[in-house]
Amino acid sequence: MRLTTAALTAAGLTLAAVAPQMAAADAKIYPYHGANYCPAGLQPITISGVICCGTPNQHISYAQAKAHPAKRHRVAKAQSHSATAHCKAGHKGCD
C-alpha cells in the first residue's frame, strides 16, 4: 500500500511541476506595437487579447496574424445535382 501511495504522490508532484511549463509552451504570445511602459528587458505583448509586459514568442502581431489570408477558413459551396439526369423513370427519387 505504501509503495502505491508513494508512487502516486511522486507522479502527482511531477505532473504539477511540468503542467505549467507545457501550458506556457502552447500559448501564442504576440508583440503589441504601442507605447512601451514596461520595465527594462520587457515589451508590450498580448495574450488572449490582454495587453501586458513580457517577451513575445511570435514574430508578427495578433492583428497581422488574423489578417493573413492563409488563416481564413473558406466554406465550399454545395453542388446541386439533378436527380432526373441519372435516374430512370419509375425509380424512387426520379420525376
Protein backbone atom coordinates (compact mmCIF):
# COMPACT_ATOMS: atom_id res chain seq x y z
CA MET A 1 0.00 0.00 0.00
CA ARG A 2 2.74 2.45 0.91
CA LEU A 3 4.58 1.89 -2.35
CA THR A 4 1.44 2.64 -4.37
CA THR A 5 0.73 5.81 -2.36
CA ALA A 6 4.33 6.98 -2.74
CA ALA A 7 4.27 6.33 -6.49
CA LEU A 8 1.01 8.23 -6.93
CA THR A 9 2.32 11.12 -4.84
CA ALA A 10 5.52 11.29 -6.91
CA ALA A 11 3.56 11.18 -10.17
CA GLY A 12 1.25 13.94 -8.96
CA LEU A 13 4.11 16.19 -7.90
CA THR A 14 5.90 15.62 -11.22
CA LEU A 15 2.76 16.45 -13.18
CA ALA A 16 2.15 19.55 -11.04
CA ALA A 17 5.68 20.78 -11.79
CA VAL A 18 5.57 20.03 -15.55
CA ALA A 19 1.98 21.08 -16.39
CA PRO A 20 2.52 24.88 -16.16
CA GLN A 21 5.55 24.63 -18.44
CA MET A 22 3.57 22.65 -21.01
CA ALA A 23 0.70 25.14 -20.92
CA ALA A 24 3.04 28.10 -21.32
CA ALA A 25 4.77 26.47 -24.30
CA ASP A 26 1.49 26.24 -26.21
CA ALA A 27 0.41 29.85 -25.62
CA LYS A 28 0.99 32.22 -28.53
CA ILE A 29 2.37 35.49 -27.20
CA TYR A 30 2.22 38.28 -29.78
CA PRO A 31 4.10 41.59 -29.64
CA TYR A 32 1.93 44.69 -29.20
CA HIS A 33 3.10 47.70 -31.18
CA GLY A 34 2.34 50.62 -28.90
CA ALA A 35 3.95 52.81 -26.27
CA ASN A 36 6.46 50.84 -24.18
CA TYR A 37 5.89 51.47 -20.46
CA CYS A 38 7.33 48.06 -19.49
CA PRO A 39 10.42 47.52 -17.29
CA ALA A 40 13.81 47.13 -18.97
CA GLY A 41 14.11 43.90 -20.97
CA LEU A 42 10.36 43.51 -21.48
CA GLN A 43 8.00 44.83 -24.13
CA PRO A 44 4.23 45.13 -24.56
CA ILE A 45 2.63 41.81 -25.54
CA THR A 46 -0.88 40.45 -25.99
CA ILE A 47 -2.11 37.17 -24.55
CA SER A 48 -5.74 36.33 -25.37
CA GLY A 49 -6.47 40.00 -26.03
CA VAL A 50 -4.93 41.24 -22.77
CA ILE A 51 -2.01 43.67 -23.09
CA CYS A 52 0.77 43.20 -20.55
CA CYS A 53 4.58 43.15 -20.33
CA GLY A 54 6.67 40.16 -21.35
CA THR A 55 8.64 38.53 -24.14
CA PRO A 56 6.78 37.53 -27.33
CA ASN A 57 7.24 34.09 -28.90
CA GLN A 58 5.64 35.08 -32.24
CA HIS A 59 7.29 37.34 -34.82
CA ILE A 60 4.11 39.09 -36.02
CA SER A 61 1.36 40.91 -34.15
CA TYR A 62 -2.05 39.37 -33.45
CA ALA A 63 -3.73 41.73 -35.94
CA GLN A 64 -1.27 40.69 -38.66
CA ALA A 65 -1.89 37.01 -37.91
CA LYS A 66 -5.66 37.45 -38.21
CA ALA A 67 -5.28 39.38 -41.49
CA HIS A 68 -3.11 36.71 -43.14
CA PRO A 69 -5.06 35.07 -46.00
CA ALA A 70 -3.84 31.56 -45.19
CA LYS A 71 -5.58 31.72 -41.81
CA ARG A 72 -9.05 32.30 -43.26
CA HIS A 73 -11.47 29.39 -43.38
CA ARG A 74 -13.43 29.17 -46.59
CA VAL A 75 -16.54 27.07 -46.96
CA ALA A 76 -17.01 25.39 -50.32
CA LYS A 77 -20.37 25.88 -51.97
CA ALA A 78 -22.56 22.81 -52.18
CA GLN A 79 -23.00 21.48 -55.68
CA SER A 80 -26.51 20.67 -56.77
CA HIS A 81 -27.09 17.63 -58.90
CA SER A 82 -30.16 16.93 -60.93
CA ALA A 83 -31.70 13.59 -59.99
CA THR A 84 -33.53 13.32 -63.32
CA ALA A 85 -30.33 13.14 -65.34
CA HIS A 86 -29.19 9.92 -63.63
CA CYS A 87 -32.49 8.13 -62.84
CA LYS A 88 -34.70 6.00 -64.99
CA ALA A 89 -38.41 6.63 -64.94
CA GLY A 90 -40.25 4.71 -62.21
CA HIS A 91 -37.32 4.58 -59.78
CA LYS A 92 -37.55 6.21 -56.37
CA GLY A 93 -36.35 9.82 -56.33
CA CYS A 94 -37.00 10.43 -60.03
CA ASP A 95 -39.65 12.69 -61.53
